[in-house]
């Protein structure tokens, strides 16, 4: 827990900055574009992320693992070859993607945005994909592999600050088209920043390797990266394709504005989830890669599950309690139809974090069949099936997508726990079982209680304090305080 909290304290500043600027971004876009515009923003962002995932080959976790192992063995050549091999593979994938997609920009623009008039912007986002890939597909995994968490934090802060400045100017003058231009420009900015931090961290000059497939060492590294890339590429892109397909159905049934309301809940979730996922990739994945015995694996898994439940529940509770005010402050009264969606999404996010924890543990241990079977095919087939059932139920209407996500997350976490039981003999500790029971009762109460007055809000806050007091141990509280004090002392020393 202490190591996890240390990583969280370092990345916490970047996450807070990103969160605050994300709120500014959301409010600005809501005022400038309205619900329908927010729906289009969601589609543009989803296509951009999908393109990045395709072109990055999802080899990030493989990069982190190769570099972590290279550092452990003091193998500088392996580290250098890993960085250059990764960039070569991603550049080749980007070129193929651009060649395949660019000729069909007009048709795909209509598919994504329901209008061909955005085809030029669609093409522009496609062309800058190699630059965007370098940030999330290469730089972040390299820095995590070197355990340069502070540099990751600085990179996130600079990238986010520049991005919000560009967005404010471009959207103000060019509306939805300005948002698409911002995506293009920030992709190039991300490349420049990423290149700088990789050079700073490694003193290696990252560049494509034309002789990649002629050298035995780089062929071996490429093979390892492809193994990890393939196994994470499948769930990530099946998931993204499934979501694009479902949201297309969703828009046709409930309208573009309903997609804008969904985007509100989706965006708020994206702002606070990094508080947990930063620790997932900054600590949990590298740690799980180094563990050999089932006893150590189960201990680390139980420890991170406890951390994930505590943090994700605390954040989700805040989202549930203050959702009315979040909508008014971050967006506007026009988005009040997203009120129920925020609460449903927050509950689902607790299970999403647990789902991600189990999936990450399987990837770290190279249990690829479990990742594909449960996290990819199983989860997305389940999500589709549940969505088709709930979307026609009376009283659910445009809440159907969020409800389907919650139910799918719950079932898939149960499936992962069952798999872990047979795989490593995993069992939840008594402390974690107790925590889950308390958390379930707590979340149910605050979700069902109305928000009619400030007294009710105050009551929910008091319940949150009671839940935390009953859930956290004295040692955990003391460790958290020690981390905070240590962080403050370091800042004072630097000042």
Protein backbone atom coordinates (compact mmCIF):
# COMPACT_ATOMS: atom_id res chain seq x y z
CA UNK A 1 0.00 0.00 0.00
CA UNK A 2 2.87 2.38 0.82
CA UNK A 3 4.41 2.05 -2.67
CA UNK A 4 1.03 2.53 -4.30
CA UNK A 5 0.38 5.68 -2.28
CA UNK A 6 3.83 7.01 -3.18
CA UNK A 7 3.11 6.66 -6.90
CA UNK A 8 -0.31 8.22 -6.34
CA UNK A 9 1.20 11.22 -4.53
CA UNK A 10 3.56 11.93 -7.44
CA UNK A 11 1.00 11.44 -10.19
CA UNK A 12 -1.73 13.02 -8.09
CA UNK A 13 -0.62 16.57 -8.94
CA UNK A 14 -0.77 15.86 -12.67
CA UNK A 15 -4.12 14.18 -12.27
CA UNK A 16 -5.49 17.12 -10.27
CA UNK A 17 -4.25 19.60 -12.89
CA UNK A 18 -5.77 17.47 -15.63
CA UNK A 19 -8.99 17.20 -13.65
CA UNK A 20 -9.29 20.97 -13.06
CA UNK A 21 -8.48 21.81 -16.66
CA UNK A 22 -10.85 19.08 -17.76
CA UNK A 23 -13.60 20.84 -15.86
CA UNK A 24 -12.71 24.10 -17.62
CA UNK A 25 -12.77 22.27 -20.94
CA UNK A 26 -16.14 20.67 -20.25
CA UNK A 27 -17.76 23.93 -19.16
CA UNK A 28 -16.41 25.82 -22.14
CA UNK A 29 -17.51 23.18 -24.65
CA UNK A 30 -20.95 22.89 -23.03
CA UNK A 31 -21.53 26.65 -23.26
CA UNK A 32 -20.16 26.93 -26.78
CA UNK A 33 -21.60 23.79 -28.38
CA UNK A 34 -24.61 22.56 -26.34
CA UNK A 35 -25.72 18.90 -25.96
CA UNK A 36 -25.70 18.10 -29.69
CA UNK A 37 -22.23 19.62 -30.09
CA UNK A 38 -20.98 17.65 -27.11
CA UNK A 39 -22.24 14.51 -28.81
CA UNK A 40 -20.14 15.33 -31.89
CA UNK A 41 -17.13 16.11 -29.68
CA UNK A 42 -17.53 12.66 -28.16
CA UNK A 43 -17.56 11.05 -31.60
CA UNK A 44 -14.47 12.98 -32.75
CA UNK A 45 -12.56 12.08 -29.60
CA UNK A 46 -13.61 8.44 -29.84
CA UNK A 47 -12.37 8.18 -33.43
CA UNK A 48 -9.07 9.83 -32.44
CA UNK A 49 -8.56 7.39 -29.56
CA UNK A 50 -9.53 4.47 -31.79
CA UNK A 51 -6.96 5.54 -34.41
CA UNK A 52 -4.28 5.85 -31.71
CA UNK A 53 -5.07 2.39 -30.38
CA UNK A 54 -4.87 0.85 -33.84
CA UNK A 55 -1.58 2.55 -34.74
CA UNK A 56 0.08 2.07 -31.36
CA UNK A 57 -0.54 -1.68 -31.73
CA UNK A 58 -1.23 -1.60 -27.99
CA UNK A 59 2.36 -2.61 -27.31
CA UNK A 60 2.72 -0.14 -24.43
CA UNK A 61 2.63 -2.76 -21.69
CA UNK A 62 5.20 -4.79 -23.62
CA UNK A 63 7.47 -1.74 -23.83
CA UNK A 64 7.17 -1.18 -20.08
CA UNK A 65 7.93 -4.84 -19.35
CA UNK A 66 10.95 -5.02 -21.73
CA UNK A 67 12.46 -1.85 -20.28
CA UNK A 68 11.78 -2.93 -16.68
CA UNK A 69 13.54 -6.23 -17.34
CA UNK A 70 16.39 -4.46 -19.18
CA UNK A 71 16.95 -2.18 -16.19
CA UNK A 72 16.87 -5.15 -13.80
CA UNK A 73 19.63 -6.82 -15.86
CA UNK A 74 21.48 -3.57 -16.59
CA UNK A 75 21.12 -4.35 -20.30
CA UNK A 76 21.39 -0.94 -22.00
CA UNK A 77 21.36 -2.41 -25.50
CA UNK A 78 18.07 -4.14 -24.84
CA UNK A 79 16.58 -0.85 -23.64
CA UNK A 80 17.81 1.03 -26.71
CA UNK A 81 16.58 -1.66 -29.10
CA UNK A 82 13.20 -1.78 -27.34
CA UNK A 83 12.61 1.96 -27.77
CA UNK A 84 13.67 2.04 -31.43
CA UNK A 85 11.86 -1.20 -32.29
CA UNK A 86 8.63 0.03 -30.73
CA UNK A 87 8.73 3.32 -32.62
CA UNK A 88 9.46 1.52 -35.91
CA UNK A 89 6.53 -0.85 -35.50
CA UNK A 90 4.15 1.97 -34.57
CA UNK A 91 5.29 4.14 -37.46
CA UNK A 92 4.72 1.30 -39.94
CA UNK A 93 1.28 0.65 -38.48
CA UNK A 94 0.43 4.36 -38.75
CA UNK A 95 1.44 4.51 -42.42
CA UNK A 96 -0.70 1.46 -43.22
CA UNK A 97 -3.64 2.90 -41.28
CA UNK A 98 -3.45 6.26 -43.08
CA UNK A 99 -3.21 4.57 -46.48
CA UNK A 100 -6.24 2.40 -45.70
CA UNK A 101 -8.48 5.10 -44.19
CA UNK A 102 -7.65 8.34 -46.01
CA UNK A 103 -9.27 7.46 -49.37
CA UNK A 104 -12.59 6.81 -47.59
CA UNK A 105 -12.62 9.97 -45.47
CA UNK A 106 -15.92 11.27 -46.87
CA UNK A 107 -17.78 8.01 -46.24
CA UNK A 108 -16.26 7.47 -42.79
CA UNK A 109 -16.96 11.08 -41.82
CA UNK A 110 -20.66 10.42 -42.45
CA UNK A 111 -20.44 7.21 -40.42
CA UNK A 112 -18.74 8.88 -37.43
CA UNK A 113 -20.32 12.36 -37.48
CA UNK A 114 -23.53 11.63 -39.42
CA UNK A 115 -22.44 14.35 -41.88
CA UNK A 116 -19.96 14.38 -44.79
CA UNK A 117 -19.15 18.06 -44.32
CA UNK A 118 -16.50 17.16 -41.72
CA UNK A 119 -14.54 14.91 -44.09
CA UNK A 120 -11.53 17.25 -44.34
CA UNK A 121 -11.18 17.41 -40.55
CA UNK A 122 -11.62 13.65 -40.37
CA UNK A 123 -8.77 13.28 -42.87
CA UNK A 124 -6.60 15.71 -40.88
CA UNK A 125 -7.07 13.76 -37.65
CA UNK A 126 -6.16 10.58 -39.53
CA UNK A 127 -2.94 12.07 -40.93
CA UNK A 128 -1.62 13.31 -37.55
CA UNK A 129 -2.18 9.93 -35.89
CA UNK A 130 1.56 8.98 -35.91
CA UNK A 131 2.33 12.06 -33.81
CA UNK A 132 -0.43 11.27 -31.31
CA UNK A 133 0.71 7.65 -31.07
CA UNK A 134 4.15 8.71 -29.89
CA UNK A 135 2.75 10.16 -26.65
CA UNK A 136 0.53 7.37 -25.35
CA UNK A 137 1.98 4.51 -27.37
CA UNK A 138 5.71 5.09 -26.76
CA UNK A 139 6.62 7.87 -24.32
CA UNK A 140 4.35 6.92 -21.42
CA UNK A 141 5.32 3.21 -21.47
CA UNK A 142 9.03 4.09 -21.68
CA UNK A 143 8.85 6.48 -18.74
CA UNK A 144 6.84 4.00 -16.69
CA UNK A 145 9.40 1.31 -17.51
CA UNK A 146 12.14 3.53 -16.09
CA UNK A 147 9.88 4.29 -13.08
CA UNK A 148 10.18 8.00 -14.00
CA UNK A 149 6.80 8.76 -12.51
CA UNK A 150 7.70 12.41 -11.85
CA UNK A 151 8.51 12.92 -15.55
CA UNK A 152 5.20 11.33 -16.52
CA UNK A 153 3.53 13.83 -14.20
CA UNK A 154 5.35 16.80 -15.77
CA UNK A 155 4.57 15.56 -19.28
CA UNK A 156 0.86 15.24 -18.48
CA UNK A 157 0.72 18.74 -16.96
CA UNK A 158 2.47 20.45 -19.89
CA UNK A 159 0.46 18.56 -22.49
CA UNK A 160 -2.83 19.35 -20.74
CA UNK A 161 -2.05 23.05 -20.25
CA UNK A 162 -1.11 23.56 -23.89
CA UNK A 163 -4.13 21.55 -25.01
CA UNK A 164 -6.63 23.63 -23.04
CA UNK A 165 -5.14 26.91 -24.29
CA UNK A 166 -5.44 25.75 -27.89
CA UNK A 167 -8.98 24.53 -27.33
CA UNK A 168 -10.22 27.80 -25.80
CA UNK A 169 -9.01 29.80 -28.78
CA UNK A 170 -9.94 27.42 -31.59
CA UNK A 171 -13.41 26.43 -30.35
CA UNK A 172 -14.31 30.05 -29.57
CA UNK A 173 -13.66 31.06 -33.18
CA UNK A 174 -14.45 27.87 -35.11
CA UNK A 175 -16.89 25.90 -32.86
CA UNK A 176 -16.95 22.13 -33.57
CA UNK A 177 -14.45 22.51 -36.41
CA UNK A 178 -12.11 24.24 -33.95
CA UNK A 179 -12.27 21.18 -31.70
CA UNK A 180 -11.13 18.99 -34.56
CA UNK A 181 -8.30 21.38 -35.42
CA UNK A 182 -7.23 21.30 -31.75
CA UNK A 183 -6.95 17.51 -31.91
CA UNK A 184 -4.60 17.82 -34.89
CA UNK A 185 -2.38 20.48 -33.33
CA UNK A 186 -2.16 18.87 -29.88
CA UNK A 187 -1.11 15.60 -31.51
CA UNK A 188 2.00 17.32 -32.88
CA UNK A 189 2.62 19.10 -29.56
CA UNK A 190 2.40 15.75 -27.75
CA UNK A 191 5.03 14.30 -30.07
CA UNK A 192 7.47 17.14 -29.36
CA UNK A 193 7.02 16.89 -25.59
CA UNK A 194 7.30 13.11 -25.61
CA UNK A 195 10.50 13.13 -27.65
CA UNK A 196 12.03 15.61 -25.20
CA UNK A 197 11.21 13.52 -22.13
CA UNK A 198 12.43 10.26 -23.66
CA UNK A 199 15.75 11.92 -24.49
CA UNK A 200 15.93 13.37 -20.99
CA UNK A 201 15.16 10.05 -19.33
CA UNK A 202 17.29 7.70 -21.42
CA UNK A 203 19.84 9.82 -23.37
CA UNK A 204 18.76 7.62 -26.29
CA UNK A 205 17.87 9.26 -29.58
CA UNK A 206 14.60 7.49 -30.52
CA UNK A 207 14.45 6.78 -34.23
CA UNK A 208 13.00 4.18 -36.60
CA UNK A 209 15.23 1.18 -37.27
CA UNK A 210 15.25 0.23 -41.00
CA UNK A 211 17.06 -3.03 -40.20
CA UNK A 212 14.51 -4.11 -37.62
CA UNK A 213 13.71 -7.53 -39.07
CA UNK A 214 17.30 -8.35 -40.07
CA UNK A 215 18.76 -8.30 -36.53
CA UNK A 216 18.15 -11.29 -34.23
CA UNK A 217 17.93 -9.14 -31.08
CA UNK A 218 15.43 -6.65 -32.49
CA UNK A 219 13.41 -9.48 -34.06
CA UNK A 220 13.16 -11.10 -30.63
CA UNK A 221 12.08 -7.82 -29.02
CA UNK A 222 9.56 -7.21 -31.82
CA UNK A 223 8.17 -10.70 -31.26
CA UNK A 224 7.76 -10.06 -27.53
CA UNK A 225 6.12 -6.69 -28.16
CA UNK A 226 3.75 -8.25 -30.69
CA UNK A 227 2.74 -10.90 -28.16
CA UNK A 228 1.75 -8.27 -25.63
CA UNK A 229 0.40 -5.95 -28.30
CA UNK A 230 -1.76 -8.64 -29.84
CA UNK A 231 -3.23 -9.68 -26.52
CA UNK A 232 -4.10 -6.12 -25.47
CA UNK A 233 -4.87 -4.99 -29.04
CA UNK A 234 -7.76 -7.43 -29.25
CA UNK A 235 -9.66 -6.39 -26.09
CA UNK A 236 -8.94 -2.67 -26.56
CA UNK A 237 -10.09 -2.50 -30.16
CA UNK A 238 -12.94 -4.95 -29.84
CA UNK A 239 -14.08 -2.77 -26.96
CA UNK A 240 -13.72 0.45 -28.93
CA UNK A 241 -15.47 -0.99 -31.99
CA UNK A 242 -18.27 -2.30 -29.77
CA UNK A 243 -18.72 1.10 -28.15
CA UNK A 244 -18.75 2.91 -31.52
CA UNK A 245 -21.35 0.44 -32.79
CA UNK A 246 -23.52 0.71 -29.66
CA UNK A 247 -23.34 4.51 -29.60
CA UNK A 248 -24.37 4.53 -33.25
CA UNK A 249 -27.44 2.48 -32.37
CA UNK A 250 -27.98 4.68 -29.33
CA UNK A 251 -27.95 7.90 -31.39
CA UNK A 252 -30.34 6.49 -33.97
CA UNK A 253 -32.80 5.46 -31.25
CA UNK A 254 -32.52 8.35 -28.78
CA UNK A 255 -30.96 11.18 -30.84
CA UNK A 256 -27.68 13.12 -30.94
CA UNK A 257 -28.56 15.09 -27.81
CA UNK A 258 -28.91 11.86 -25.81
CA UNK A 259 -25.41 10.99 -26.96
CA UNK A 260 -24.36 14.38 -25.58
CA UNK A 261 -25.85 13.50 -22.18
CA UNK A 262 -24.01 10.17 -22.24
CA UNK A 263 -20.83 12.05 -23.13
CA UNK A 264 -21.23 14.18 -19.98
CA UNK A 265 -21.19 11.10 -17.72
CA UNK A 266 -18.43 9.52 -19.80
CA UNK A 267 -16.30 12.68 -19.59
CA UNK A 268 -16.67 13.11 -15.82
CA UNK A 269 -15.67 9.47 -15.42
CA UNK A 270 -12.60 10.02 -17.60
CA UNK A 271 -11.53 12.95 -15.41
CA UNK A 272 -11.40 11.07 -12.12
CA UNK A 273 -10.47 7.50 -13.13
CA UNK A 274 -6.76 8.39 -13.65
CA UNK A 275 -6.50 8.82 -9.87
CA UNK A 276 -6.67 5.02 -9.76
CA UNK A 277 -5.35 3.94 -13.16
CA UNK A 278 -2.13 5.91 -12.70
CA UNK A 279 -1.29 3.61 -9.80
CA UNK A 280 -2.43 0.62 -11.85
CA UNK A 281 0.22 1.23 -14.52
CA UNK A 282 2.75 3.13 -12.42
CA UNK A 283 2.97 0.48 -9.70
CA UNK A 284 0.71 -2.56 -10.00
CA UNK A 285 1.66 -3.76 -13.50
CA UNK A 286 5.47 -3.50 -13.08
CA UNK A 287 5.16 -5.11 -9.63
CA UNK A 288 3.06 -8.01 -10.92
CA UNK A 289 5.58 -8.59 -13.73
CA UNK A 290 8.28 -9.28 -11.13
CA UNK A 291 6.30 -11.70 -8.93
CA UNK A 292 6.71 -15.46 -9.32
CA UNK A 293 4.79 -17.33 -6.61
CA UNK A 294 1.02 -17.57 -6.30
CA UNK A 295 1.27 -16.41 -2.70
CA UNK A 296 3.00 -13.16 -3.71
CA UNK A 297 0.64 -12.65 -6.65
CA UNK A 298 -2.48 -13.08 -4.52
CA UNK A 299 -1.12 -10.83 -1.79
CA UNK A 300 -0.36 -8.01 -4.24
CA UNK A 301 -3.71 -8.49 -5.98
CA UNK A 302 -5.62 -8.30 -2.70
CA UNK A 303 -3.63 -5.24 -1.68
CA UNK A 304 -4.39 -3.39 -4.90
CA UNK A 305 -8.06 -4.44 -4.85
CA UNK A 306 -8.36 -2.88 -1.40
CA UNK A 307 -6.69 0.31 -2.59
CA UNK A 308 -8.85 0.40 -5.75
CA UNK A 309 -12.11 -0.03 -3.84
CA UNK A 310 -11.24 2.65 -1.27
CA UNK A 311 -10.16 5.27 -3.81
CA UNK A 312 -12.72 4.56 -6.55
CA UNK A 313 -15.60 4.45 -4.05
CA UNK A 314 -14.56 7.72 -2.42
CA UNK A 315 -14.41 9.42 -5.82
CA UNK A 316 -17.63 7.80 -7.05
CA UNK A 317 -19.41 8.89 -3.86
CA UNK A 318 -18.39 12.47 -4.54
CA UNK A 319 -19.72 12.18 -8.08
CA UNK A 320 -23.04 10.75 -6.85
CA UNK A 321 -23.51 13.25 -4.01
CA UNK A 322 -22.62 16.35 -6.00
CA UNK A 323 -23.82 15.29 -9.46
CA UNK A 324 -26.45 18.04 -9.66
CA UNK A 325 -23.84 20.67 -8.87
CA UNK A 326 -21.26 19.02 -11.14
CA UNK A 327 -23.64 19.34 -14.08
CA UNK A 328 -24.47 22.97 -13.31
CA UNK A 329 -20.86 23.98 -12.64
CA UNK A 330 -19.07 21.92 -15.29
CA UNK A 331 -21.70 22.06 -18.01
CA UNK A 332 -25.01 23.95 -17.77
CA UNK A 333 -28.67 23.49 -16.90
CA UNK A 334 -29.21 22.27 -20.48
CA UNK A 335 -27.45 19.04 -19.48
CA UNK A 336 -29.57 18.25 -16.41
CA UNK A 337 -30.97 15.20 -18.21
CA UNK A 338 -27.55 13.63 -17.55
CA UNK A 339 -28.26 13.66 -13.78
CA UNK A 340 -29.21 9.97 -13.53
CA UNK A 341 -26.43 8.98 -15.91
CA UNK A 342 -23.71 10.41 -13.65
CA UNK A 343 -24.90 8.33 -10.70
CA UNK A 344 -25.18 5.14 -12.74
CA UNK A 345 -21.77 5.72 -14.33
CA UNK A 346 -20.13 6.31 -10.94
CA UNK A 347 -21.40 2.98 -9.59
CA UNK A 348 -20.20 1.19 -12.71
CA UNK A 349 -16.76 2.78 -12.46
CA UNK A 350 -16.07 1.02 -9.15
CA UNK A 351 -16.48 -2.31 -10.92
CA UNK A 352 -14.62 -1.02 -13.99
CA UNK A 353 -11.55 -0.35 -11.83
CA UNK A 354 -11.73 -3.89 -10.40
CA UNK A 355 -12.20 -5.28 -13.93
CA UNK A 356 -9.09 -3.37 -15.06
CA UNK A 357 -7.12 -4.64 -12.06
CA UNK A 358 -7.82 -8.31 -12.83
CA UNK A 359 -7.15 -7.80 -16.57
CA UNK A 360 -3.84 -6.06 -15.86
CA UNK A 361 -2.80 -8.87 -13.52
CA UNK A 362 -3.48 -11.43 -16.26
CA UNK A 363 -1.50 -9.45 -18.85
CA UNK A 364 1.45 -9.07 -16.48
CA UNK A 365 1.48 -12.83 -16.01
CA UNK A 366 1.04 -13.57 -19.73
CA UNK A 367 -2.31 -15.28 -19.20
CA UNK A 368 -3.42 -14.29 -22.66
CA UNK A 369 -6.26 -16.81 -23.00
CA UNK A 370 -7.93 -15.31 -19.94
CA UNK A 371 -7.52 -11.78 -21.26
CA UNK A 372 -9.04 -12.62 -24.65
CA UNK A 373 -11.74 -14.92 -23.36
CA UNK A 374 -12.94 -12.83 -20.41
CA UNK A 375 -11.81 -9.22 -20.93
CA UNK A 376 -12.26 -9.02 -24.70
CA UNK A 377 -14.73 -11.42 -26.25
CA UNK A 378 -16.66 -12.23 -23.08
CA UNK A 379 -17.06 -8.67 -21.87
CA UNK A 380 -18.06 -7.10 -25.18
CA UNK A 381 -20.45 -9.91 -26.13
CA UNK A 382 -22.02 -9.54 -22.70
CA UNK A 383 -22.27 -5.75 -23.07
CA UNK A 384 -23.98 -6.06 -26.46
CA UNK A 385 -26.42 -8.66 -25.18
CA UNK A 386 -27.32 -6.65 -22.08
CA UNK A 387 -27.73 -3.44 -24.09
CA UNK A 388 -30.12 -5.08 -26.56
CA UNK A 389 -32.20 -6.31 -23.61
CA UNK A 390 -32.32 -3.14 -21.49
CA UNK A 391 -32.77 -0.55 -24.27
CA UNK A 392 -36.33 -1.67 -24.81
CA UNK A 393 -37.32 -1.80 -21.15
CA UNK A 394 -39.90 0.78 -20.04
CA UNK A 395 -38.56 3.61 -17.91
CA UNK A 396 -34.90 3.09 -18.85
CA UNK A 397 -34.83 4.81 -22.31
CA UNK A 398 -31.61 6.87 -22.77
CA UNK A 399 -30.19 5.46 -19.51
CA UNK A 400 -29.92 2.08 -21.21
CA UNK A 401 -26.27 2.36 -22.25
CA UNK A 402 -25.07 3.32 -18.76
CA UNK A 403 -27.17 0.58 -17.16
CA UNK A 404 -25.74 -1.98 -19.60
CA UNK A 405 -22.19 -0.89 -18.74
CA UNK A 406 -22.79 -1.30 -15.00
CA UNK A 407 -24.31 -4.76 -15.34
CA UNK A 408 -21.57 -5.94 -17.71
CA UNK A 409 -18.85 -4.67 -15.34
CA UNK A 410 -20.39 -6.49 -12.36
CA UNK A 411 -20.70 -9.82 -14.17
CA UNK A 412 -17.21 -9.66 -15.67
CA UNK A 413 -15.58 -8.91 -12.28
CA UNK A 414 -17.29 -12.03 -10.91
CA UNK A 415 -15.97 -14.02 -13.89
CA UNK A 416 -12.44 -12.72 -13.31
CA UNK A 417 -12.56 -13.64 -9.63
CA UNK A 418 -13.68 -17.16 -10.50
CA UNK A 419 -10.87 -17.49 -13.06
CA UNK A 420 -8.30 -16.23 -10.54
CA UNK A 421 -9.58 -18.76 -8.01
CA UNK A 422 -8.84 -21.66 -10.35
CA UNK A 423 -5.63 -20.10 -11.71
CA UNK A 424 -3.72 -19.07 -8.57
CA UNK A 425 -6.03 -20.12 -5.75
CA UNK A 426 -7.01 -16.49 -5.24
CA UNK A 427 -9.37 -15.64 -2.41
CA UNK A 428 -10.36 -12.25 -1.09
CA UNK A 429 -8.95 -11.53 2.34
CA UNK A 430 -11.34 -11.13 5.25
CA UNK A 431 -10.57 -7.40 5.32
CA UNK A 432 -11.50 -7.06 1.66
CA UNK A 433 -14.73 -9.04 2.03
CA UNK A 434 -15.70 -6.77 4.92
CA UNK A 435 -14.79 -3.70 2.85
CA UNK A 436 -16.92 -4.88 -0.09
CA UNK A 437 -19.96 -5.45 2.14
CA UNK A 438 -19.63 -2.01 3.76
CA UNK A 439 -19.06 -0.36 0.40
CA UNK A 440 -22.08 -2.04 -1.18
CA UNK A 441 -24.37 -0.85 1.61
CA UNK A 442 -22.89 2.65 1.56
CA UNK A 443 -23.13 3.14 -2.22
CA UNK A 444 -26.69 1.79 -2.33
CA UNK A 445 -27.84 4.24 0.35
CA UNK A 446 -26.29 7.37 -1.15
CA UNK A 447 -27.45 6.40 -4.65
CA UNK A 448 -31.08 5.89 -3.62
CA UNK A 449 -31.39 8.86 -1.27
CA UNK A 450 -32.83 11.96 -3.02
CA UNK A 451 -30.99 15.28 -3.37
CA UNK A 452 -33.85 17.54 -2.39
CA UNK A 453 -32.02 19.75 0.10
CA UNK A 454 -28.63 20.71 1.47
CA UNK A 455 -29.49 18.73 4.61
CA UNK A 456 -29.69 15.53 2.55
CA UNK A 457 -26.39 16.35 0.86
CA UNK A 458 -24.83 16.94 4.29
CA UNK A 459 -26.26 13.62 5.45
CA UNK A 460 -24.65 11.82 2.52
CA UNK A 461 -21.32 13.47 3.28
CA UNK A 462 -21.63 12.32 6.90
CA UNK A 463 -22.36 8.78 5.69
CA UNK A 464 -19.23 8.95 3.53
CA UNK A 465 -17.15 9.86 6.58
CA UNK A 466 -18.66 6.96 8.53
CA UNK A 467 -17.96 4.53 5.66
CA UNK A 468 -14.34 5.67 5.43
CA UNK A 469 -13.83 5.47 9.20
CA UNK A 470 -15.22 1.93 9.28
CA UNK A 471 -13.31 0.81 6.17
CA UNK A 472 -9.77 2.08 6.59
CA UNK A 473 -7.36 0.67 9.18
CA UNK A 474 -5.24 2.77 11.51
CA UNK A 475 -2.06 1.59 9.77
CA UNK A 476 -3.43 2.58 6.36
CA UNK A 477 -4.44 5.99 7.64
CA UNK A 478 -1.01 6.49 9.18
CA UNK A 479 0.76 5.45 5.98
CA UNK A 480 -1.34 7.87 4.00
CA UNK A 481 -0.48 10.70 6.37
CA UNK A 482 3.22 9.76 6.22
CA UNK A 483 3.16 9.94 2.42
CA UNK A 484 1.49 13.35 2.50
CA UNK A 485 3.96 14.69 5.08
CA UNK A 486 6.91 13.33 3.09
CA UNK A 487 5.55 14.92 -0.09
CA UNK A 488 5.12 18.30 1.65
CA UNK A 489 8.67 18.13 3.06
CA UNK A 490 10.10 17.41 -0.40
CA UNK A 491 8.24 20.38 -1.87
CA UNK A 492 9.45 22.63 0.95
CA UNK A 493 13.02 21.44 0.43
CA UNK A 494 12.83 22.20 -3.31
CA UNK A 495 11.34 25.64 -2.55
